[in-house]
């Protein structure tokens, strides 16, 4: 798909009108048909499924616009000294320029300068046949970047073959990459193509290249130099025209210095070198990704996109994401599956669910990661955590009686209820907690 351009989204009314017309035609067919054959039923089912997909796509686009608008509104906030470097106008112009050049990207991206630099390198490298090395932490989207390079190049209509080098046993590595002849080893009952042959005229993506054993590195280097492979059990060379894109979450320079990775192979692979920043360095992207994955999950689960409470949304926007985009995607899918219409903190995994002073801890983690939150974010987080702690302590002292807590605090009861709802606090939880103590006293 082409990246959706929010500034060009002006035809939703026309699109919805067209969809409504199709739906009416489908309803008329069902209403007036005296008898439907099986083939006609299947055709109508296919049409209804296609309509559903169109509606979901429009919904995804609208939610993307809303998320993008929220992000850019926050960029224009008057507190200029809190504005991070990633949100500068020049970065936004670079992003818009990529979109205007019809840069193909399956998904969404924000205004982070490091990510934009990586995408601009990928855009220039894509039309060539030069090898590309992509590095970055696990879960930052290295395979997606490989697909971007393939999709924007001259080989986009040719095969794209992905290989996880760390998942292939050493004794099967050569056969997996280069194929084998019948009888080459026990169990080789027929000739078999390897990954390089399958990727002929296309792109081969070598993921986790840093896990490739030294013996495999020697054979890969030979392929890069000669553009030929030999199947296991055969002396016949086979010419292969394959664009190589490799990825790693390890430092190959350090591995080469330690003798664990061939230095000549490193230089062969890294003619074009792309580094992807961690998600904690591109926080402007988080609301966009939440909306994108929310729609994606809704489509797979066949339900409406899940809504997030303000407290949960604040958590998702400030969490450090050690697993990067992959972790965020998994969290959104979990929330979409476990929650009903609205997800809250209680639907998060136990090991990351925030407790008292969790906001302060997240601030410390963010500072240590090199991506501090803005001063306004820090103030809001500290204020919210203090407010929550005050309410919880008050409910504990009053045995979960909201009216009594409102009286003690000289606060309007409806306003207190609103604060409890904001923090996802249920007064009945504190009443249950008090019951055993009362029983003991009696």
Protein backbone atom coordinates (compact mmCIF):
# COMPACT_ATOMS: atom_id res chain seq x y z
CA UNK A 1 0.00 0.00 0.00
CA UNK A 2 1.04 3.61 -0.43
CA UNK A 3 1.47 5.51 2.80
CA UNK A 4 -1.77 7.34 3.50
CA UNK A 5 -1.45 11.09 3.09
CA UNK A 6 -3.55 12.82 5.77
CA UNK A 7 -3.56 16.11 3.82
CA UNK A 8 -5.13 14.38 0.85
CA UNK A 9 -7.96 12.85 2.86
CA UNK A 10 -10.88 14.87 1.63
CA UNK A 11 -13.03 12.28 -0.12
CA UNK A 12 -14.37 10.24 2.80
CA UNK A 13 -17.96 11.43 2.13
CA UNK A 14 -17.76 10.30 -1.49
CA UNK A 15 -16.14 7.02 -0.47
CA UNK A 16 -18.79 6.30 2.14
CA UNK A 17 -21.54 7.17 -0.35
CA UNK A 18 -20.09 4.67 -2.77
CA UNK A 19 -19.95 2.01 -0.08
CA UNK A 20 -23.56 2.68 0.92
CA UNK A 21 -24.64 2.27 -2.69
CA UNK A 22 -22.84 -1.09 -2.90
CA UNK A 23 -24.47 -2.22 0.34
CA UNK A 24 -27.93 -1.28 -0.95
CA UNK A 25 -27.34 -3.24 -4.17
CA UNK A 26 -26.27 -6.24 -2.11
CA UNK A 27 -29.36 -5.96 0.12
CA UNK A 28 -31.67 -5.70 -2.90
CA UNK A 29 -30.13 -8.80 -4.42
CA UNK A 30 -30.74 -10.74 -1.22
CA UNK A 31 -34.26 -9.33 -0.75
CA UNK A 32 -35.62 -9.99 -4.26
CA UNK A 33 -33.80 -13.14 -5.29
CA UNK A 34 -36.38 -15.99 -5.25
CA UNK A 35 -33.77 -18.70 -4.98
CA UNK A 36 -30.01 -18.54 -4.76
CA UNK A 37 -27.60 -21.18 -6.02
CA UNK A 38 -24.49 -22.03 -4.02
CA UNK A 39 -22.24 -20.19 -6.49
CA UNK A 40 -24.39 -17.04 -6.15
CA UNK A 41 -24.29 -17.26 -2.34
CA UNK A 42 -20.49 -17.53 -2.40
CA UNK A 43 -20.32 -14.54 -4.76
CA UNK A 44 -22.47 -12.45 -2.42
CA UNK A 45 -20.38 -13.51 0.58
CA UNK A 46 -17.22 -12.46 -1.23
CA UNK A 47 -18.82 -9.10 -2.06
CA UNK A 48 -19.83 -8.55 1.56
CA UNK A 49 -16.31 -9.43 2.74
CA UNK A 50 -14.85 -6.97 0.24
CA UNK A 51 -17.21 -4.25 1.51
CA UNK A 52 -16.20 -4.96 5.09
CA UNK A 53 -12.52 -4.62 4.14
CA UNK A 54 -13.20 -1.27 2.46
CA UNK A 55 -15.02 0.03 5.54
CA UNK A 56 -12.18 -1.12 7.81
CA UNK A 57 -9.65 0.58 5.54
CA UNK A 58 -11.57 3.88 5.67
CA UNK A 59 -11.85 3.57 9.44
CA UNK A 60 -8.10 2.99 9.67
CA UNK A 61 -7.43 6.09 7.56
CA UNK A 62 -9.73 8.30 9.65
CA UNK A 63 -8.20 7.08 12.92
CA UNK A 64 -4.74 7.69 11.47
CA UNK A 65 -5.74 11.28 10.64
CA UNK A 66 -7.01 11.79 14.19
CA UNK A 67 -3.82 10.37 15.72
CA UNK A 68 -1.64 12.44 13.39
CA UNK A 69 -3.65 15.57 14.15
CA UNK A 70 -3.28 14.98 17.90
CA UNK A 71 0.46 14.52 17.46
CA UNK A 72 0.92 17.67 15.39
CA UNK A 73 -1.31 19.70 17.74
CA UNK A 74 0.98 18.70 20.59
CA UNK A 75 3.95 19.75 18.44
CA UNK A 76 2.52 23.27 18.22
CA UNK A 77 2.11 23.65 21.99
CA UNK A 78 3.27 27.03 23.35
CA UNK A 79 5.80 25.49 25.76
CA UNK A 80 8.66 25.81 23.28
CA UNK A 81 11.47 24.90 25.66
CA UNK A 82 9.89 21.49 26.24
CA UNK A 83 9.68 20.77 22.49
CA UNK A 84 12.01 17.86 21.63
CA UNK A 85 14.32 17.94 18.64
CA UNK A 86 12.27 15.21 16.91
CA UNK A 87 9.38 17.63 16.41
CA UNK A 88 11.14 20.42 14.54
CA UNK A 89 9.39 21.87 11.47
CA UNK A 90 12.29 20.81 9.21
CA UNK A 91 11.77 17.16 10.23
CA UNK A 92 8.06 17.45 9.43
CA UNK A 93 8.89 18.86 5.98
CA UNK A 94 11.24 15.94 5.33
CA UNK A 95 8.46 13.52 6.22
CA UNK A 96 5.99 15.30 3.93
CA UNK A 97 8.56 15.23 1.11
CA UNK A 98 8.86 11.44 1.39
CA UNK A 99 5.08 11.09 1.14
CA UNK A 100 4.88 13.44 -1.84
CA UNK A 101 7.47 11.36 -3.69
CA UNK A 102 5.10 8.34 -3.41
CA UNK A 103 7.53 6.55 -1.11
CA UNK A 104 6.05 3.10 -0.47
CA UNK A 105 5.85 2.23 3.23
CA UNK A 106 3.62 -0.46 4.73
CA UNK A 107 2.49 1.27 7.90
CA UNK A 108 3.15 4.70 9.38
CA UNK A 109 6.09 6.77 10.60
CA UNK A 110 6.59 10.02 12.46
CA UNK A 111 8.94 13.00 12.41
CA UNK A 112 11.99 11.59 14.22
CA UNK A 113 15.13 12.89 12.44
CA UNK A 114 17.07 9.63 12.90
CA UNK A 115 14.26 7.56 11.43
CA UNK A 116 13.75 10.02 8.56
CA UNK A 117 17.49 9.84 7.80
CA UNK A 118 17.24 6.03 7.66
CA UNK A 119 14.20 6.19 5.36
CA UNK A 120 15.92 8.70 3.07
CA UNK A 121 18.95 6.40 2.80
CA UNK A 122 16.64 3.46 2.06
CA UNK A 123 14.83 5.47 -0.61
CA UNK A 124 18.11 6.26 -2.41
CA UNK A 125 19.49 2.74 -2.04
CA UNK A 126 16.32 0.94 -3.15
CA UNK A 127 16.67 1.42 -6.95
CA UNK A 128 20.25 0.08 -6.87
CA UNK A 129 21.50 -3.49 -6.40
CA UNK A 130 23.96 -2.52 -3.64
CA UNK A 131 23.96 -4.68 -0.48
CA UNK A 132 22.31 -3.05 2.53
CA UNK A 133 23.00 -3.73 6.22
CA UNK A 134 20.27 -2.71 8.69
CA UNK A 135 21.04 -2.62 12.39
CA UNK A 136 19.09 -1.64 15.49
CA UNK A 137 17.61 -3.10 18.64
CA UNK A 138 15.29 -6.07 18.45
CA UNK A 139 11.77 -5.03 17.48
CA UNK A 140 12.65 -1.72 15.78
CA UNK A 141 11.32 -2.83 12.38
CA UNK A 142 14.40 -4.10 10.54
CA UNK A 143 12.46 -6.61 8.43
CA UNK A 144 9.90 -3.93 7.59
CA UNK A 145 12.76 -1.72 6.40
CA UNK A 146 14.04 -4.58 4.22
CA UNK A 147 10.57 -4.86 2.65
CA UNK A 148 10.53 -1.08 2.12
CA UNK A 149 13.83 -1.30 0.21
CA UNK A 150 12.49 -4.17 -1.89
CA UNK A 151 9.13 -2.46 -2.57
CA UNK A 152 10.74 0.81 -3.71
CA UNK A 153 13.30 -0.85 -6.00
CA UNK A 154 13.34 -2.22 -9.54
CA UNK A 155 12.89 -5.77 -8.19
CA UNK A 156 9.60 -5.06 -6.40
CA UNK A 157 7.66 -7.48 -8.65
CA UNK A 158 10.24 -10.23 -8.20
CA UNK A 159 10.61 -12.69 -5.26
CA UNK A 160 11.33 -11.51 -1.71
CA UNK A 161 12.79 -14.33 0.41
CA UNK A 162 13.38 -13.98 4.16
CA UNK A 163 15.90 -16.14 6.04
CA UNK A 164 16.49 -16.17 9.81
CA UNK A 165 20.17 -17.07 10.03
CA UNK A 166 19.96 -17.70 13.77
CA UNK A 167 17.23 -20.33 13.39
CA UNK A 168 19.04 -22.68 10.97
CA UNK A 169 21.07 -25.56 12.51
CA UNK A 170 24.74 -25.50 11.48
CA UNK A 171 24.52 -28.88 9.72
CA UNK A 172 21.60 -27.70 7.54
CA UNK A 173 22.82 -24.17 6.82
CA UNK A 174 24.45 -24.85 3.45
CA UNK A 175 21.50 -26.94 2.22
CA UNK A 176 19.01 -24.29 3.38
CA UNK A 177 20.82 -21.42 1.66
CA UNK A 178 22.12 -23.13 -1.49
CA UNK A 179 19.97 -26.25 -1.92
CA UNK A 180 21.04 -29.87 -2.42
CA UNK A 181 21.05 -32.68 -4.95
CA UNK A 182 19.21 -35.94 -4.42
CA UNK A 183 21.26 -38.36 -2.31
CA UNK A 184 23.66 -35.64 -1.09
CA UNK A 185 22.99 -36.75 2.51
CA UNK A 186 20.64 -38.97 4.47
CA UNK A 187 17.10 -37.80 3.92
CA UNK A 188 17.82 -35.92 0.66
CA UNK A 189 15.25 -37.83 -1.38
CA UNK A 190 14.99 -35.25 -4.18
CA UNK A 191 16.68 -32.18 -5.61
CA UNK A 192 15.85 -29.03 -3.68
CA UNK A 193 16.32 -25.33 -4.36
CA UNK A 194 17.94 -23.20 -1.71
CA UNK A 195 16.91 -19.73 -0.57
CA UNK A 196 19.33 -17.99 -2.94
CA UNK A 197 17.96 -19.80 -5.99
CA UNK A 198 14.41 -19.03 -4.89
CA UNK A 199 15.33 -15.35 -4.62
CA UNK A 200 16.87 -15.24 -8.12
CA UNK A 201 16.18 -11.83 -9.77
CA UNK A 202 14.64 -10.67 -6.47
CA UNK A 203 15.76 -9.84 -2.92
CA UNK A 204 17.00 -12.12 -0.14
CA UNK A 205 16.73 -10.82 3.42
CA UNK A 206 19.28 -12.34 5.81
CA UNK A 207 17.95 -11.61 9.29
CA UNK A 208 20.15 -12.03 12.39
CA UNK A 209 23.24 -12.15 10.16
CA UNK A 210 25.40 -11.81 13.28
CA UNK A 211 24.34 -15.34 14.30
CA UNK A 212 25.73 -16.90 11.10
CA UNK A 213 28.60 -19.31 11.97
CA UNK A 214 32.05 -18.64 10.51
CA UNK A 215 31.78 -21.52 8.04
CA UNK A 216 28.54 -20.07 6.69
CA UNK A 217 30.12 -16.61 6.52
CA UNK A 218 32.89 -17.96 4.23
CA UNK A 219 30.33 -19.47 1.84
CA UNK A 220 28.20 -16.33 1.86
CA UNK A 221 31.25 -14.20 1.05
CA UNK A 222 31.98 -16.46 -1.93
CA UNK A 223 28.44 -15.93 -3.24
CA UNK A 224 28.77 -12.15 -2.89
CA UNK A 225 32.04 -12.20 -4.85
CA UNK A 226 31.15 -14.68 -7.62
CA UNK A 227 27.33 -14.41 -7.83
CA UNK A 228 27.26 -18.19 -8.04
CA UNK A 229 26.13 -20.98 -5.72
CA UNK A 230 26.65 -24.73 -5.65
CA UNK A 231 24.05 -27.12 -4.32
CA UNK A 232 25.22 -29.57 -1.69
CA UNK A 233 26.35 -32.75 -3.51
CA UNK A 234 26.93 -30.99 -6.83
CA UNK A 235 29.96 -29.41 -8.53
CA UNK A 236 27.84 -27.50 -11.02
CA UNK A 237 27.82 -23.73 -10.43
CA UNK A 238 24.47 -21.93 -10.67
CA UNK A 239 24.41 -18.22 -11.43
CA UNK A 240 22.20 -16.17 -9.09
CA UNK A 241 21.18 -12.55 -9.50
CA UNK A 242 20.03 -11.66 -5.98
CA UNK A 243 19.90 -8.36 -4.10
CA UNK A 244 21.12 -8.91 -0.52
CA UNK A 245 19.70 -7.06 2.48
CA UNK A 246 21.00 -8.16 5.89
CA UNK A 247 19.98 -7.19 9.43
CA UNK A 248 21.36 -7.57 12.93
CA UNK A 249 20.77 -6.35 16.48
CA UNK A 250 24.45 -6.91 17.31
CA UNK A 251 27.50 -4.71 16.71
CA UNK A 252 29.25 -6.46 13.80
CA UNK A 253 32.34 -4.24 14.12
CA UNK A 254 32.85 -5.47 17.66
CA UNK A 255 32.20 -9.07 16.62
CA UNK A 256 34.77 -8.68 13.84
CA UNK A 257 37.32 -7.31 16.32
CA UNK A 258 36.65 -10.37 18.52
CA UNK A 259 37.11 -12.75 15.59
CA UNK A 260 33.45 -13.85 15.62
CA UNK A 261 32.51 -12.19 12.33
CA UNK A 262 34.59 -11.87 9.17
CA UNK A 263 35.67 -8.30 8.62
CA UNK A 264 35.71 -8.69 4.82
CA UNK A 265 32.10 -9.95 4.91
CA UNK A 266 31.08 -6.99 7.07
CA UNK A 267 32.42 -4.53 4.50
CA UNK A 268 30.77 -6.47 1.67
CA UNK A 269 27.38 -6.35 3.39
CA UNK A 270 27.50 -2.76 4.63
CA UNK A 271 28.00 -0.87 1.39
CA UNK A 272 24.81 0.89 2.46
CA UNK A 273 24.42 1.02 6.26
CA UNK A 274 21.05 1.90 7.84
CA UNK A 275 20.53 2.26 11.61
CA UNK A 276 17.03 2.25 13.09
CA UNK A 277 16.45 4.20 16.33
CA UNK A 278 14.65 2.60 19.27
CA UNK A 279 10.98 3.44 19.84
CA UNK A 280 11.84 5.39 23.01
CA UNK A 281 13.76 7.80 20.74
CA UNK A 282 10.72 8.37 18.49
CA UNK A 283 7.85 8.89 20.93
CA UNK A 284 5.89 11.03 18.48
CA UNK A 285 5.24 7.77 16.61
CA UNK A 286 3.58 5.99 19.57
CA UNK A 287 0.05 7.47 19.20
CA UNK A 288 0.16 6.75 15.47
CA UNK A 289 1.22 3.15 16.09
CA UNK A 290 -1.45 2.65 18.77
CA UNK A 291 -4.14 3.71 16.28
CA UNK A 292 -2.61 1.66 13.46
CA UNK A 293 -2.22 -1.56 15.47
CA UNK A 294 -5.62 -0.99 17.12
CA UNK A 295 -7.30 -1.12 13.72
CA UNK A 296 -5.13 -4.03 12.63
CA UNK A 297 -6.10 -6.01 15.74
CA UNK A 298 -9.78 -5.10 15.31
CA UNK A 299 -9.68 -6.45 11.77
CA UNK A 300 -8.17 -9.77 12.85
CA UNK A 301 -10.44 -10.16 15.87
CA UNK A 302 -13.51 -8.98 13.90
CA UNK A 303 -14.58 -6.38 16.44
CA UNK A 304 -14.54 -2.62 16.93
CA UNK A 305 -11.19 -0.97 17.77
CA UNK A 306 -10.73 -0.97 21.54
CA UNK A 307 -10.92 2.35 23.42
CA UNK A 308 -8.28 3.29 26.01
CA UNK A 309 -8.87 4.96 29.36
CA UNK A 310 -6.87 8.18 29.87
CA UNK A 311 -4.69 6.47 32.48
CA UNK A 312 -3.86 3.55 30.17
CA UNK A 313 -3.17 5.89 27.28
CA UNK A 314 -0.79 7.95 29.44
CA UNK A 315 1.01 4.74 30.40
CA UNK A 316 1.35 3.61 26.78
CA UNK A 317 2.69 7.02 25.76
CA UNK A 318 5.38 7.08 28.47
CA UNK A 319 6.38 3.41 28.79
CA UNK A 320 10.02 2.68 27.82
CA UNK A 321 9.24 -0.29 25.45
CA UNK A 322 12.39 -2.41 25.81
CA UNK A 323 10.90 -4.63 23.08
CA UNK A 324 10.29 -1.59 20.84
CA UNK A 325 7.58 -1.64 18.15
CA UNK A 326 7.06 -5.40 18.45
CA UNK A 327 6.26 -5.02 22.16
CA UNK A 328 3.84 -2.14 21.48
CA UNK A 329 2.07 -4.19 18.79
CA UNK A 330 1.76 -7.19 21.12
CA UNK A 331 0.39 -4.96 23.91
CA UNK A 332 -2.28 -3.46 21.63
CA UNK A 333 -3.30 -6.93 20.44
CA UNK A 334 -3.50 -8.14 24.06
CA UNK A 335 -5.64 -5.16 25.07
CA UNK A 336 -7.90 -5.66 22.05
CA UNK A 337 -8.39 -9.32 22.94
CA UNK A 338 -8.83 -9.15 26.72
CA UNK A 339 -10.83 -5.92 27.08
CA UNK A 340 -14.41 -5.30 26.06
CA UNK A 341 -15.16 -1.90 24.55
CA UNK A 342 -12.63 -0.11 26.79
CA UNK A 343 -9.20 -1.25 27.97
CA UNK A 344 -7.67 -0.13 31.27
CA UNK A 345 -4.49 -0.62 33.30
CA UNK A 346 -5.80 -3.95 34.64
CA UNK A 347 -5.56 -5.45 31.15
CA UNK A 348 -1.78 -4.93 31.01
CA UNK A 349 0.61 -7.84 31.79
CA UNK A 350 1.42 -8.11 35.50
CA UNK A 351 5.15 -7.54 34.98
CA UNK A 352 4.68 -4.05 33.49
CA UNK A 353 1.45 -2.98 35.20
CA UNK A 354 2.19 0.28 37.05
CA UNK A 355 1.95 0.48 40.82
CA UNK A 356 2.61 3.32 43.26
CA UNK A 357 5.37 5.65 42.07
CA UNK A 358 5.46 3.84 38.71
CA UNK A 359 5.36 7.12 36.81
CA UNK A 360 8.47 8.35 38.60
CA UNK A 361 10.22 5.07 37.81
CA UNK A 362 9.33 5.40 34.13
CA UNK A 363 10.77 8.90 34.15
CA UNK A 364 14.06 7.60 35.57
CA UNK A 365 14.15 4.78 32.99
CA UNK A 366 13.50 7.29 30.22
CA UNK A 367 16.33 9.52 31.44
CA UNK A 368 18.71 6.55 31.52
CA UNK A 369 17.73 5.54 28.00
CA UNK A 370 18.76 8.95 26.68
CA UNK A 371 15.20 10.04 25.80
CA UNK A 372 13.93 12.20 28.69
CA UNK A 373 10.28 13.23 28.80
CA UNK A 374 9.47 16.93 28.57
CA UNK A 375 9.12 19.00 31.73
CA UNK A 376 5.36 19.28 31.22
CA UNK A 377 5.12 15.45 30.95
CA UNK A 378 7.13 15.06 34.14
CA UNK A 379 4.91 17.51 36.02
CA UNK A 380 1.73 15.82 34.80
CA UNK A 381 2.97 12.33 35.68
CA UNK A 382 4.07 13.38 39.17
CA UNK A 383 0.79 15.20 39.80
CA UNK A 384 -1.33 12.26 38.59
CA UNK A 385 0.61 9.78 40.73
CA UNK A 386 0.28 11.95 43.86
CA UNK A 387 -3.45 12.38 43.19
CA UNK A 388 -3.94 8.65 42.79
CA UNK A 389 -1.99 7.83 45.96
CA UNK A 390 -4.08 10.36 47.91
CA UNK A 391 -7.37 8.82 46.69
CA UNK A 392 -6.27 5.26 47.40
CA UNK A 393 -5.10 6.15 50.91
CA UNK A 394 -8.39 7.96 51.59
CA UNK A 395 -10.49 5.00 50.43
CA UNK A 396 -8.44 2.66 52.59
CA UNK A 397 -9.07 4.86 55.65
CA UNK A 398 -12.81 5.12 54.93
CA UNK A 399 -13.28 1.47 54.02
CA UNK A 400 -14.18 2.36 50.44
CA UNK A 401 -16.96 4.79 51.38
CA UNK A 402 -16.93 7.53 48.75
CA UNK A 403 -19.41 9.76 50.62
CA UNK A 404 -17.25 9.73 53.76
CA UNK A 405 -14.08 10.50 51.79
CA UNK A 406 -15.85 13.40 50.04
CA UNK A 407 -16.97 14.74 53.46
CA UNK A 408 -13.45 14.51 54.92
CA UNK A 409 -11.92 16.24 51.90
CA UNK A 410 -14.69 18.84 51.71
CA UNK A 411 -15.19 17.82 48.08
CA UNK A 412 -18.24 17.47 45.87
CA UNK A 413 -19.13 13.77 45.65
CA UNK A 414 -19.66 13.81 41.86
CA UNK A 415 -16.26 15.44 41.36
CA UNK A 416 -14.66 12.77 43.55
CA UNK A 417 -16.37 10.06 41.48
CA UNK A 418 -14.95 11.65 38.34
CA UNK A 419 -11.42 11.57 39.79
CA UNK A 420 -11.80 7.92 40.78
CA UNK A 421 -12.96 7.08 37.26
CA UNK A 422 -10.03 9.01 35.77
CA UNK A 423 -7.55 6.83 37.69
CA UNK A 424 -9.49 3.60 37.24
CA UNK A 425 -10.00 3.24 41.01
CA UNK A 426 -13.01 1.22 42.19
CA UNK A 427 -14.26 1.98 45.70
CA UNK A 428 -15.67 -1.54 46.09
CA UNK A 429 -12.14 -2.97 45.89
CA UNK A 430 -11.35 -1.19 49.15
CA UNK A 431 -14.55 -2.38 50.78
CA UNK A 432 -13.61 -5.98 49.99
CA UNK A 433 -10.15 -5.38 51.36
CA UNK A 434 -11.61 -4.17 54.67
CA UNK A 435 -14.04 -7.06 55.15
CA UNK A 436 -11.57 -9.66 56.51
CA UNK A 437 -10.27 -7.17 59.09
CA UNK A 438 -13.79 -6.48 60.32
CA UNK A 439 -14.50 -10.18 60.59
CA UNK A 440 -11.36 -10.63 62.67
CA UNK A 441 -12.46 -7.83 65.03
CA UNK A 442 -15.85 -9.50 65.51
